[in-house]
Amino acid sequence: MIAVVARLVAPLFALAFMLAGAVPVLAHAQMLSSVPAANAMLAQAPAEVSLVFNEPVSPLVITLIGPGGDSLDLTATTMGGETVVVPLPAEVDEGTHVLSWRVVSVDAHPVAGSVVFSIGSQSGTVPDIAAASLATSILLWASKTALFATLFLGLGTAIFALAAPLPDQARRLAGAVNLLGLVVAPVSLGLHGADALGVTPMGLFSPDAWVTGYATRYGLTTMLLVAALLFGLISLHRFRVLALIGWGLAALALALSGHAGAAEPQWLTRIAVVLHIAGILFWIGALLPLSIWLREQSHAADRALRQFSRFIPFAVAPILISGGVLAAVQMGPPGPAWLAPYGVILAAKLGLMIALLGLAVWNRFRLTHPALEGTIRARGQLRKAILLEIGLVLIIFALAAGWRFTPPPRAIAAAAVSAEEASAPLYAHAMDQEVMADLVITPGRAGPVAIDIGLTDLLGAPVEPLTVELTLSAPELGIEPIKVPATLRDGLWRVEGQTIPLPGPWDFTLDLRLDRFTLARVRTQIILP
C-alpha cells in the first residue's frame, strides 16, 4: 500500500517542484509608461500605441474611443508581453482619443487603465470609460468563498476518511458538498472571466467571459479543483486512494494562481502554498465527521477522535510554518503598505486563526481525553467547540476570498519602486564657446516633463540672460520644432507643463538673449526612454 501511495504522490510533488521553477512574476502588474505618453499632443496619428508593464501581461479588452465617443475594439490585433503593442487604424480623426486597456498578469489578476492623447488639437471633453462591475466583484467573492468551503469541507472529509472511519451522515453530507463544489467551481471561473473583462454578471451568458476565465492561470486552477472534487466524491464510496490524489491536486491547484504562489522566490512560495493547503484540508476535513461522531458513543467514534488527535500535529505544523513564510513574503519590510486592505484582511485572519488554534489546543488537551473516557459532558462540549471551529473557518474563508481584490504590500512596494525609477530625472550638458547649460529633465522619459536649466560661463560663473527659449525637435521621429519660453525661478530657468510625446533622440536647442545685441545658442541631443 505504501508503495502504491508513493507512486501516486511522487508525480504531484514533481509537478509542484517543476512549477516552482516557472518564470518569475510579480502579482498585480503595473503599467510603467506608454508611447505616446499620457496627455500627449501629436501632429499626426501614430501607427501604434505601446504600453510598457513591469511584467508580461496578456490583453483582455483593448478599445480606442474617439472624440465623438465611438469605440473601436483592437483586442484581436494587440500583442501581449512586457510591452503591449496596439496597432491603430490607418484613419484616426483629429481630437482627443482614449485607449482603454484591460490586461491580465500571469497570476490571473486583471489590471485596467487608459491612455489619453490628442491628434492635431484637443477635444472639449474626454470620453467616459465604463467602470468595472461591483456586482460581478461581489458575486466573484461569494463564489470563491463558497468554493473554499466546499473544497475544504467536502474533499477534506474524504481525505480524513483515509485515516479514520466516517459516519454515514458525514459521508452523505460530504458527497452533497462535493457536488455543490463541482457547480461552484465553473461558476467562479465564469465570474473570474467576467470580472477580468469588467462586465456585469449578465456577461456569464456570453462565451467571452468563460473563454477569458479559462485563458487565465485561474482556468487551470479551476480544472484541477474540479478533478480534485470529483476524486473526493468518488472516494467517499469506493477507491479511497482517489482522495489522496485529490488532496495533491487541490493543494497544487491553489498554488498555481493568486498572490501567494506568484511571489518570489517561487521555489519557496509555491511549495509553501502546497503544504499550507494540504494541512488545512486534513484539519478542516476532520471537523464535519467529528461533529457527527461526537453525538454518539461508539468504538468507531472513539477511533475517529483518537486518529484525529494523533495526526493533527502533523497538519498544524506545516500550516503554521508555511503560513509564516507566506505572510513574511507578502507583507515585505514594515512600512505604510502594511496598512493597505491586504494587511487589514491579514490581521483579521490572523486574529481568527489565533482563536481557532487556541480552541483546538483546548479541545486536544482538556476535552479529548475525557471524551475518550466516555464523559458525556466532555463530548458535548467538544462537539460545540468543533461547530464553533467550523464557523470561524467559514469567516476565514470569506476573508481569504477578499484577497483576490487587494494587492499585497510587497506588490505595492514594488510598484512604488517602479514608479520612482520611472520618475527619476535625466541629466544633460550643452555648451558653446561662451556658455554652458546643465539640463535636468523630470521625469527622465517621454511624457509630461519639467525641464530645469542652469547657465554658467566656461569658468563656472553664473550667466544671467534676458530671456531663454527652448526648442525641441525630433527629425528622426518626424516631429517638427516645438518652441517654448523658459521662466526664471530661484536662479534656474524652468520649462513646465511640456509634453515630449515619443521616446527616442530629441534635439534640445537653447536660445539665450544675453543682452539687447547678443544671442547665444547651445545644442545637445538627448535620447529619452
Protein backbone atom coordinates (compact mmCIF):
# COMPACT_ATOMS: atom_id res chain seq x y z
CA MET A 1 0.00 0.00 0.00
CA ILE A 2 2.82 2.41 0.89
CA ALA A 3 4.48 1.73 -2.47
CA VAL A 4 1.21 2.45 -4.30
CA VAL A 5 0.73 5.71 -2.39
CA ALA A 6 4.32 6.73 -3.12
CA ARG A 7 3.82 6.13 -6.84
CA LEU A 8 0.67 8.25 -6.81
CA VAL A 9 2.06 11.15 -4.79
CA ALA A 10 5.53 11.36 -6.36
CA PRO A 11 4.32 12.83 -9.70
CA LEU A 12 2.34 15.50 -7.85
CA PHE A 13 5.35 16.66 -5.89
CA ALA A 14 7.50 16.51 -9.01
CA LEU A 15 4.98 18.74 -10.75
CA ALA A 16 4.99 21.11 -7.75
CA PHE A 17 8.77 21.48 -7.92
CA MET A 18 8.60 21.95 -11.69
CA LEU A 19 6.05 24.72 -11.24
CA ALA A 20 8.24 26.32 -8.59
CA GLY A 21 10.86 26.86 -11.27
CA ALA A 22 8.46 28.65 -13.60
CA VAL A 23 9.13 32.13 -14.94
CA PRO A 24 9.13 34.81 -12.22
CA VAL A 25 6.14 37.14 -11.95
CA LEU A 26 5.10 39.98 -9.68
CA ALA A 27 1.48 39.81 -8.64
CA HIS A 28 -0.56 42.78 -9.83
CA ALA A 29 1.10 44.15 -12.95
CA GLN A 30 1.82 47.88 -13.14
CA MET A 31 1.97 50.00 -16.27
CA LEU A 32 5.21 51.98 -16.23
CA SER A 33 4.88 54.13 -19.34
CA SER A 34 3.22 54.46 -22.71
CA VAL A 35 4.11 55.61 -26.21
CA PRO A 36 2.69 58.12 -26.94
CA ALA A 37 2.81 59.40 -23.39
CA ALA A 38 -0.32 60.22 -21.42
CA ASN A 39 -1.90 63.54 -22.47
CA ALA A 40 0.48 63.86 -25.42
CA MET A 41 -0.35 66.30 -28.24
CA LEU A 42 0.64 64.78 -31.61
CA ALA A 43 0.84 66.42 -35.01
CA GLN A 44 -0.27 63.22 -36.70
CA ALA A 45 -1.72 59.87 -35.69
CA PRO A 46 0.84 57.26 -34.58
CA ALA A 47 0.87 53.85 -36.23
CA GLU A 48 0.63 52.12 -32.85
CA VAL A 49 0.42 52.67 -29.11
CA SER A 50 2.80 50.82 -26.79
CA LEU A 51 2.09 50.13 -23.12
CA VAL A 52 5.10 49.15 -21.00
CA PHE A 53 4.50 46.98 -17.91
CA ASN A 54 6.73 45.64 -15.16
CA GLU A 55 5.91 42.03 -16.10
CA PRO A 56 4.41 40.12 -19.04
CA VAL A 57 0.65 40.59 -19.45
CA SER A 58 -1.99 39.37 -21.89
CA PRO A 59 -4.58 41.72 -23.43
CA LEU A 60 -8.21 41.15 -22.44
CA VAL A 61 -10.00 44.19 -23.83
CA ILE A 62 -8.33 46.98 -25.83
CA THR A 63 -10.66 49.73 -27.04
CA LEU A 64 -9.94 53.03 -28.82
CA ILE A 65 -12.58 55.67 -28.03
CA GLY A 66 -12.67 58.60 -30.44
CA PRO A 67 -13.53 62.27 -29.88
CA GLY A 68 -17.18 61.60 -30.71
CA GLY A 69 -17.49 58.73 -28.25
CA ASP A 70 -17.42 56.00 -30.89
CA SER A 71 -15.36 52.94 -29.88
CA LEU A 72 -13.23 50.50 -31.85
CA ASP A 73 -12.22 47.09 -30.48
CA LEU A 74 -8.50 46.49 -31.10
CA THR A 75 -8.08 43.40 -28.91
CA ALA A 76 -7.64 40.94 -31.78
CA THR A 77 -4.62 42.79 -33.23
CA THR A 78 -2.92 43.57 -29.92
CA MET A 79 0.24 41.72 -28.92
CA GLY A 80 0.96 40.95 -25.25
CA GLY A 81 4.19 40.79 -23.29
CA GLU A 82 6.05 43.26 -21.10
CA THR A 83 5.35 45.76 -23.86
CA VAL A 84 1.80 45.59 -25.19
CA VAL A 85 1.71 46.85 -28.79
CA VAL A 86 -1.65 48.14 -30.07
CA PRO A 87 -1.74 48.83 -33.84
CA LEU A 88 -4.02 51.77 -34.65
CA PRO A 89 -6.22 52.02 -37.77
CA ALA A 90 -4.90 53.93 -40.76
CA GLU A 91 -7.52 56.69 -40.42
CA VAL A 92 -7.76 58.28 -36.97
CA ASP A 93 -9.75 61.52 -36.53
CA GLU A 94 -8.29 64.69 -35.08
CA GLY A 95 -9.08 65.42 -31.45
CA THR A 96 -8.70 63.67 -28.10
CA HIS A 97 -8.66 59.87 -28.04
CA VAL A 98 -8.73 57.41 -25.14
CA LEU A 99 -7.11 53.99 -25.41
CA SER A 100 -8.89 51.94 -22.76
CA TRP A 101 -6.97 48.79 -21.85
CA ARG A 102 -7.61 45.79 -19.63
CA VAL A 103 -4.92 43.14 -19.28
CA VAL A 104 -4.28 40.11 -17.10
CA SER A 105 -0.99 39.22 -15.41
CA VAL A 106 0.48 35.75 -15.10
CA ASP A 107 -1.04 35.36 -11.62
CA ALA A 108 -4.54 35.73 -13.18
CA HIS A 109 -5.32 39.19 -11.77
CA PRO A 110 -6.77 41.78 -14.17
CA VAL A 111 -5.42 45.34 -14.37
CA ALA A 112 -7.12 48.18 -16.22
CA GLY A 113 -6.41 51.77 -17.20
CA SER A 114 -6.43 54.20 -20.09
CA VAL A 115 -4.10 56.45 -22.07
CA VAL A 116 -5.34 59.82 -23.31
CA PHE A 117 -3.68 61.51 -26.30
CA SER A 118 -4.69 64.17 -28.79
CA ILE A 119 -4.07 64.46 -32.52
CA GLY A 120 -3.87 67.93 -34.06
CA SER A 121 -6.00 69.60 -31.40
CA GLN A 122 -7.58 68.79 -28.06
CA SER A 123 -11.29 67.97 -27.90
CA GLY A 124 -13.54 69.72 -25.41
CA THR A 125 -14.21 66.64 -23.30
CA VAL A 126 -12.58 63.28 -22.67
CA PRO A 127 -14.90 60.33 -23.39
CA ASP A 128 -16.12 58.47 -20.31
CA ILE A 129 -14.76 54.99 -19.53
CA ALA A 130 -17.13 52.46 -18.03
CA ALA A 131 -16.09 51.28 -14.55
CA ALA A 132 -15.78 47.64 -13.57
CA SER A 133 -18.94 45.97 -12.29
CA LEU A 134 -19.32 45.97 -8.50
CA ALA A 135 -21.99 43.27 -8.75
CA THR A 136 -19.56 40.98 -10.58
CA SER A 137 -16.89 41.56 -7.95
CA ILE A 138 -19.31 40.74 -5.12
CA LEU A 139 -20.52 37.57 -6.83
CA LEU A 140 -16.93 36.53 -7.55
CA TRP A 141 -16.03 36.99 -3.88
CA ALA A 142 -19.09 34.96 -2.83
CA SER A 143 -18.30 32.18 -5.31
CA LYS A 144 -14.68 31.93 -4.15
CA THR A 145 -15.83 31.79 -0.52
CA ALA A 146 -18.27 29.01 -1.41
CA LEU A 147 -15.57 27.21 -3.40
CA PHE A 148 -13.18 27.27 -0.44
CA ALA A 149 -15.93 25.99 1.87
CA THR A 150 -16.95 23.13 -0.42
CA LEU A 151 -13.34 22.19 -1.14
CA PHE A 152 -12.12 22.04 2.45
CA LEU A 153 -15.28 20.58 3.96
CA GLY A 154 -16.20 18.23 1.10
CA LEU A 155 -12.87 17.00 -0.21
CA GLY A 156 -11.39 17.42 3.26
CA THR A 157 -13.88 14.91 4.69
CA ALA A 158 -12.85 12.39 2.02
CA ILE A 159 -9.22 12.99 2.98
CA PHE A 160 -9.97 12.43 6.66
CA ALA A 161 -11.55 9.10 5.68
CA LEU A 162 -8.04 7.91 4.78
CA ALA A 163 -7.19 7.99 8.49
CA ALA A 164 -10.48 7.36 10.27
CA PRO A 165 -13.96 5.93 9.70
CA LEU A 166 -16.78 8.22 8.57
CA PRO A 167 -20.34 8.20 9.90
CA ASP A 168 -22.95 7.62 7.18
CA GLN A 169 -24.41 11.09 7.65
CA ALA A 170 -20.99 12.71 7.19
CA ARG A 171 -20.44 10.64 4.06
CA ARG A 172 -23.76 11.82 2.61
CA LEU A 173 -23.15 15.47 3.59
CA ALA A 174 -19.63 15.41 2.18
CA GLY A 175 -20.96 13.96 -1.06
CA ALA A 176 -23.51 16.77 -1.33
CA VAL A 177 -20.85 19.38 -0.53
CA ASN A 178 -18.53 17.94 -3.20
CA LEU A 179 -21.37 18.06 -5.72
CA LEU A 180 -22.02 21.70 -4.80
CA GLY A 181 -18.32 22.40 -5.31
CA LEU A 182 -18.47 20.87 -8.78
CA VAL A 183 -21.12 23.51 -9.60
CA VAL A 184 -19.48 26.44 -7.81
CA ALA A 185 -16.03 25.90 -9.37
CA PRO A 186 -17.06 26.51 -13.00
CA VAL A 187 -19.35 29.38 -11.95
CA SER A 188 -16.39 31.04 -10.24
CA LEU A 189 -14.41 30.57 -13.45
CA GLY A 190 -17.09 32.38 -15.47
CA LEU A 191 -17.27 35.16 -12.90
CA HIS A 192 -13.48 35.42 -12.96
CA GLY A 193 -13.66 35.95 -16.71
CA ALA A 194 -16.50 38.49 -16.37
CA ASP A 195 -14.50 40.37 -13.75
CA ALA A 196 -11.40 40.30 -15.95
CA LEU A 197 -13.43 41.81 -18.79
CA GLY A 198 -15.06 44.34 -16.46
CA VAL A 199 -18.60 43.32 -17.46
CA THR A 200 -21.75 42.77 -15.38
CA PRO A 201 -22.91 39.34 -14.18
CA MET A 202 -25.01 39.13 -17.34
CA GLY A 203 -21.70 38.52 -19.08
CA LEU A 204 -21.96 34.94 -17.83
CA PHE A 205 -24.42 34.36 -20.65
CA SER A 206 -21.71 35.26 -23.18
CA PRO A 207 -18.96 32.82 -24.16
CA ASP A 208 -16.41 35.63 -23.85
CA ALA A 209 -16.44 35.51 -20.05
CA TRP A 210 -15.85 31.75 -19.98
CA VAL A 211 -13.16 31.84 -22.66
CA THR A 212 -11.39 34.71 -20.88
CA GLY A 213 -11.57 33.00 -17.49
CA TYR A 214 -10.20 29.76 -18.89
CA ALA A 215 -7.39 31.60 -20.71
CA THR A 216 -6.03 32.97 -17.42
CA ARG A 217 -3.99 30.94 -14.93
CA TYR A 218 -7.19 30.54 -12.90
CA GLY A 219 -8.55 28.36 -15.70
CA LEU A 220 -6.03 25.62 -14.95
CA THR A 221 -6.63 26.07 -11.22
CA THR A 222 -10.36 25.51 -11.74
CA MET A 223 -9.86 22.40 -13.86
CA LEU A 224 -7.60 20.85 -11.22
CA LEU A 225 -10.06 21.72 -8.45
CA VAL A 226 -12.90 20.12 -10.39
CA ALA A 227 -10.80 16.97 -10.76
CA ALA A 228 -9.94 17.04 -7.05
CA LEU A 229 -13.59 17.42 -6.03
CA LEU A 230 -14.61 14.63 -8.41
CA PHE A 231 -11.97 12.30 -6.98
CA GLY A 232 -13.11 13.20 -3.48
CA LEU A 233 -16.72 12.43 -4.35
CA ILE A 234 -15.86 9.02 -5.82
CA SER A 235 -13.58 8.11 -2.94
CA LEU A 236 -16.41 8.54 -0.45
CA HIS A 237 -17.99 5.36 -1.85
CA ARG A 238 -15.11 3.39 -3.39
CA PHE A 239 -11.42 3.67 -4.32
CA ARG A 240 -10.46 5.63 -1.19
CA VAL A 241 -6.98 6.18 -2.61
CA LEU A 242 -8.52 8.71 -5.05
CA ALA A 243 -8.88 11.09 -2.10
CA LEU A 244 -5.09 11.11 -1.84
CA ILE A 245 -4.81 12.16 -5.48
CA GLY A 246 -7.48 14.82 -4.93
CA TRP A 247 -5.51 16.03 -1.90
CA GLY A 248 -2.43 16.64 -4.02
CA LEU A 249 -4.36 18.17 -6.93
CA ALA A 250 -6.20 20.65 -4.70
CA ALA A 251 -3.01 21.80 -2.98
CA LEU A 252 -1.29 22.12 -6.34
CA ALA A 253 -4.22 23.96 -7.95
CA LEU A 254 -4.28 26.76 -5.38
CA ALA A 255 -0.52 27.25 -5.79
CA LEU A 256 -0.95 27.93 -9.50
CA SER A 257 -2.85 31.23 -9.25
CA GLY A 258 -3.20 34.05 -6.78
CA HIS A 259 -0.79 36.31 -4.93
CA ALA A 260 0.90 33.74 -2.72
CA GLY A 261 2.14 31.33 -5.38
CA ALA A 262 3.22 34.17 -7.68
CA ALA A 263 5.55 35.81 -5.15
CA GLU A 264 9.31 35.43 -5.36
CA PRO A 265 11.14 33.22 -4.66
CA GLN A 266 8.66 30.88 -6.29
CA TRP A 267 10.54 27.71 -5.35
CA LEU A 268 9.71 28.64 -1.75
CA THR A 269 6.28 30.25 -2.03
CA ARG A 270 4.66 27.62 -4.26
CA ILE A 271 5.87 24.76 -2.10
CA ALA A 272 4.70 26.70 0.96
CA VAL A 273 1.23 27.09 -0.57
CA VAL A 274 1.07 23.36 -1.33
CA LEU A 275 1.98 22.48 2.27
CA HIS A 276 -0.36 25.13 3.68
CA ILE A 277 -3.37 23.89 1.70
CA ALA A 278 -2.57 20.23 2.34
CA GLY A 279 -2.50 20.78 6.10
CA ILE A 280 -5.73 22.81 6.11
CA LEU A 281 -7.53 20.16 4.06
CA PHE A 282 -6.85 17.50 6.68
CA TRP A 283 -7.67 19.72 9.66
CA ILE A 284 -10.89 21.24 8.32
CA GLY A 285 -11.91 17.96 6.68
CA ALA A 286 -11.98 16.27 10.08
CA LEU A 287 -14.41 18.76 11.66
CA LEU A 288 -17.63 17.67 9.94
CA PRO A 289 -17.31 13.92 10.67
CA LEU A 290 -16.10 14.53 14.22
CA SER A 291 -19.05 16.83 14.97
CA ILE A 292 -21.37 13.97 13.95
CA TRP A 293 -19.42 11.19 15.65
CA LEU A 294 -19.49 13.03 18.99
CA ARG A 295 -23.28 12.75 19.15
CA GLU A 296 -22.87 9.06 19.96
CA GLN A 297 -20.63 6.79 21.98
CA SER A 298 -19.15 4.00 19.89
CA HIS A 299 -15.88 2.34 19.08
CA ALA A 300 -15.86 3.95 15.60
CA ALA A 301 -16.45 7.42 17.06
CA ASP A 302 -13.63 6.94 19.58
CA ARG A 303 -11.31 5.66 16.86
CA ALA A 304 -12.01 8.72 14.68
CA LEU A 305 -11.32 11.10 17.57
CA ARG A 306 -8.18 9.18 18.55
CA GLN A 307 -6.86 9.24 14.96
CA PHE A 308 -7.54 12.96 14.64
CA SER A 309 -5.72 13.66 17.90
CA ARG A 310 -2.82 11.53 16.66
CA PHE A 311 -2.38 13.11 13.23
CA ILE A 312 -3.41 16.75 13.74
CA PRO A 313 0.05 17.96 14.91
CA PHE A 314 1.46 16.83 11.55
CA ALA A 315 -1.11 19.04 9.79
CA VAL A 316 -0.89 22.10 12.05
CA ALA A 317 2.92 22.33 11.97
CA PRO A 318 3.12 22.76 8.15
CA ILE A 319 0.19 25.22 8.29
CA LEU A 320 1.96 27.44 10.83
CA ILE A 321 5.41 27.28 9.21
CA SER A 322 4.20 27.80 5.63
CA GLY A 323 1.73 30.49 6.76
CA GLY A 324 4.53 32.40 8.46
CA VAL A 325 6.70 32.15 5.34
CA LEU A 326 3.91 33.34 3.03
CA ALA A 327 2.94 36.21 5.34
CA ALA A 328 6.55 37.39 5.55
CA VAL A 329 6.96 37.29 1.77
CA GLN A 330 3.64 39.00 1.03
CA MET A 331 3.96 41.76 3.62
CA GLY A 332 7.58 42.65 2.87
CA PRO A 333 9.50 45.12 5.07
CA PRO A 334 7.43 47.17 7.53
CA GLY A 335 6.01 50.33 6.01
CA PRO A 336 2.85 52.25 5.12
CA ALA A 337 1.81 49.47 2.72
CA TRP A 338 1.11 47.27 5.75
CA LEU A 339 -1.95 49.44 6.42
CA ALA A 340 -3.39 48.66 2.97
CA PRO A 341 -6.55 46.49 2.75
CA TYR A 342 -4.42 43.36 2.30
CA GLY A 343 -2.75 43.96 5.66
CA VAL A 344 -6.11 44.64 7.34
CA ILE A 345 -7.50 41.36 6.00
CA LEU A 346 -4.38 39.51 7.10
CA ALA A 347 -4.64 40.99 10.60
CA ALA A 348 -8.27 39.90 10.87
CA LYS A 349 -7.42 36.44 9.54
CA LEU A 350 -4.53 36.07 11.99
CA GLY A 351 -6.79 37.08 14.85
CA LEU A 352 -9.29 34.40 13.89
CA MET A 353 -6.51 31.86 13.39
CA ILE A 354 -5.19 32.54 16.89
CA ALA A 355 -8.70 31.99 18.25
CA LEU A 356 -9.04 28.83 16.16
CA LEU A 357 -5.68 27.46 17.33
CA GLY A 358 -6.48 28.31 20.94
CA LEU A 359 -9.76 26.46 20.62
CA ALA A 360 -8.02 23.47 19.02
CA VAL A 361 -5.41 23.34 21.80
CA TRP A 362 -8.15 23.48 24.45
CA ASN A 363 -10.03 20.68 22.69
CA ARG A 364 -6.99 18.43 22.46
CA PHE A 365 -5.55 18.86 25.93
CA ARG A 366 -8.66 19.48 28.03
CA LEU A 367 -11.57 17.75 26.32
CA THR A 368 -10.25 14.92 24.12
CA HIS A 369 -9.08 12.63 26.94
CA PRO A 370 -12.31 12.91 28.99
CA ALA A 371 -14.34 12.45 25.82
CA LEU A 372 -12.47 9.24 25.01
CA GLU A 373 -13.15 8.02 28.54
CA GLY A 374 -16.86 8.37 27.80
CA THR A 375 -17.67 11.57 29.73
CA ILE A 376 -20.91 12.78 28.16
CA ARG A 377 -20.40 16.40 29.22
CA ALA A 378 -16.90 16.49 27.67
CA ARG A 379 -18.17 15.01 24.41
CA GLY A 380 -20.94 17.61 24.26
CA GLN A 381 -18.50 20.45 24.94
CA LEU A 382 -16.08 19.10 22.36
CA ARG A 383 -18.82 18.90 19.75
CA LYS A 384 -19.88 22.51 20.43
CA ALA A 385 -16.25 23.62 20.19
CA ILE A 386 -15.85 21.84 16.84
CA LEU A 387 -19.00 23.51 15.48
CA LEU A 388 -17.54 26.84 16.61
CA GLU A 389 -14.33 25.95 14.76
CA ILE A 390 -16.37 25.38 11.59
CA GLY A 391 -17.97 28.82 11.99
CA LEU A 392 -14.58 30.50 12.44
CA VAL A 393 -13.22 28.67 9.42
CA LEU A 394 -16.06 29.90 7.21
CA ILE A 395 -15.30 33.50 8.23
CA ILE A 396 -11.61 32.92 7.46
CA PHE A 397 -12.56 31.61 4.01
CA ALA A 398 -14.59 34.78 3.37
CA LEU A 399 -11.61 36.93 4.36
CA ALA A 400 -9.20 34.91 2.21
CA ALA A 401 -11.52 35.31 -0.79
CA GLY A 402 -11.24 39.09 -0.34
CA TRP A 403 -7.52 38.93 -1.12
CA ARG A 404 -8.48 38.46 -4.76
CA PHE A 405 -9.21 42.21 -4.92
CA THR A 406 -6.30 43.59 -2.88
CA PRO A 407 -2.64 43.78 -3.94
CA PRO A 408 -0.23 42.59 -1.23
CA PRO A 409 2.12 45.13 0.38
CA ARG A 410 5.12 43.68 -1.45
CA ALA A 411 3.38 44.42 -4.79
CA ILE A 412 2.53 47.94 -3.62
CA ALA A 413 6.14 48.48 -2.59
CA ALA A 414 7.41 47.09 -5.91
CA ALA A 415 5.04 49.40 -7.79
CA ALA A 416 6.31 52.36 -5.76
CA VAL A 417 9.91 51.44 -6.64
CA SER A 418 8.96 51.11 -10.32
CA ALA A 419 7.21 54.47 -10.21
CA GLU A 420 10.22 56.04 -8.51
CA GLU A 421 12.55 54.61 -11.12
CA ALA A 422 10.24 55.80 -13.90
CA SER A 423 10.16 59.32 -12.43
CA ALA A 424 13.94 59.57 -11.96
CA PRO A 425 15.36 62.69 -13.65
CA LEU A 426 17.62 62.67 -16.70
CA TYR A 427 20.68 64.93 -16.78
CA ALA A 428 22.31 66.50 -19.84
CA HIS A 429 25.01 69.08 -20.60
CA ALA A 430 25.38 71.51 -23.50
CA MET A 431 27.89 74.26 -24.28
CA ASP A 432 29.34 76.53 -26.90
CA GLN A 433 32.43 78.77 -26.85
CA GLU A 434 30.97 81.06 -24.16
CA VAL A 435 28.09 79.43 -22.25
CA MET A 436 27.44 76.07 -20.55
CA ALA A 437 23.97 74.71 -19.79
CA ASP A 438 23.06 71.92 -17.37
CA LEU A 439 19.62 70.44 -18.07
CA VAL A 440 17.58 68.34 -15.66
CA ILE A 441 14.50 66.63 -17.20
CA THR A 442 11.99 65.32 -14.67
CA PRO A 443 10.90 62.60 -15.13
CA GLY A 444 13.61 61.43 -17.48
CA ARG A 445 11.32 59.81 -20.04
CA ALA A 446 8.78 60.67 -22.69
CA GLY A 447 5.57 62.25 -21.43
CA PRO A 448 4.78 65.37 -19.41
CA VAL A 449 8.05 66.78 -18.09
CA ALA A 450 9.59 69.73 -16.31
CA ILE A 451 12.96 70.99 -17.53
CA ASP A 452 15.35 72.95 -15.27
CA ILE A 453 18.20 74.83 -16.93
CA GLY A 454 21.29 76.11 -15.11
CA LEU A 455 23.53 78.54 -17.03
CA THR A 456 27.19 79.41 -16.40
CA ASP A 457 30.16 80.65 -18.37
CA LEU A 458 33.15 78.43 -19.09
CA LEU A 459 34.67 79.28 -15.71
CA GLY A 460 31.53 78.32 -13.80
CA ALA A 461 30.31 81.84 -13.06
CA PRO A 462 26.52 82.35 -13.36
CA VAL A 463 25.16 83.73 -16.62
CA GLU A 464 22.08 85.95 -16.42
CA PRO A 465 20.44 86.23 -19.86
CA LEU A 466 17.45 88.43 -20.53
CA THR A 467 15.38 85.58 -21.99
CA VAL A 468 15.74 81.85 -22.61
CA GLU A 469 13.84 79.93 -25.26
CA LEU A 470 13.95 76.14 -25.61
CA THR A 471 13.38 74.44 -28.97
CA LEU A 472 12.59 70.71 -29.05
CA SER A 473 12.72 68.72 -32.27
CA ALA A 474 12.95 65.09 -33.33
CA PRO A 475 13.65 64.86 -37.06
CA GLU A 476 14.13 61.09 -36.92
CA LEU A 477 10.64 60.76 -35.40
CA GLY A 478 9.10 63.16 -37.91
CA ILE A 479 8.36 65.84 -35.28
CA GLU A 480 8.90 69.49 -36.25
CA PRO A 481 10.45 72.02 -33.82
CA ILE A 482 8.46 72.96 -30.72
CA LYS A 483 9.43 76.35 -29.23
CA VAL A 484 8.68 77.06 -25.56
CA PRO A 485 9.86 80.00 -23.39
CA ALA A 486 11.57 79.35 -20.08
CA THR A 487 10.90 81.35 -16.90
CA LEU A 488 13.42 82.30 -14.23
CA ARG A 489 12.74 80.79 -10.82
CA ASP A 490 15.17 80.61 -7.87
CA GLY A 491 18.21 81.11 -10.07
CA LEU A 492 17.20 78.45 -12.62
CA TRP A 493 15.36 78.73 -15.90
CA ARG A 494 12.40 76.35 -15.99
CA VAL A 495 10.01 74.91 -18.57
CA GLU A 496 6.86 73.38 -17.07
CA GLY A 497 3.89 71.54 -18.49
CA GLN A 498 5.70 70.45 -21.64
CA THR A 499 4.88 67.03 -23.10
CA ILE A 500 7.53 65.10 -25.01
CA PRO A 501 5.23 62.73 -26.86
CA LEU A 502 7.58 59.96 -28.00
CA PRO A 503 10.77 58.30 -26.79
CA GLY A 504 13.88 58.46 -28.91
CA PRO A 505 16.52 61.03 -29.90
CA TRP A 506 15.48 64.66 -29.28
CA ASP A 507 17.42 67.80 -30.18
CA PHE A 508 17.44 70.43 -27.41
CA THR A 509 18.37 73.96 -28.57
CA LEU A 510 18.65 76.89 -26.14
CA ASP A 511 18.49 80.45 -27.49
CA LEU A 512 19.92 82.80 -24.84
CA ARG A 513 19.41 86.57 -25.19
CA LEU A 514 22.49 87.70 -23.24
CA ASP A 515 21.81 91.40 -23.90
CA ARG A 516 19.97 93.51 -26.48
CA PHE A 517 22.52 92.71 -29.17
CA THR A 518 23.93 89.27 -28.25
CA LEU A 519 22.25 85.92 -28.84
CA ALA A 520 23.97 82.73 -27.77
CA ARG A 521 22.83 79.27 -28.87
CA VAL A 522 23.74 75.91 -27.34
CA ARG A 523 22.60 72.49 -28.59
CA THR A 524 22.62 68.90 -27.43
CA GLN A 525 20.84 65.67 -28.28
CA ILE A 526 19.15 63.60 -25.58
CA ILE A 527 17.79 60.11 -26.04
CA LEU A 528 14.65 59.75 -23.97
CA PRO A 529 13.43 56.28 -22.95
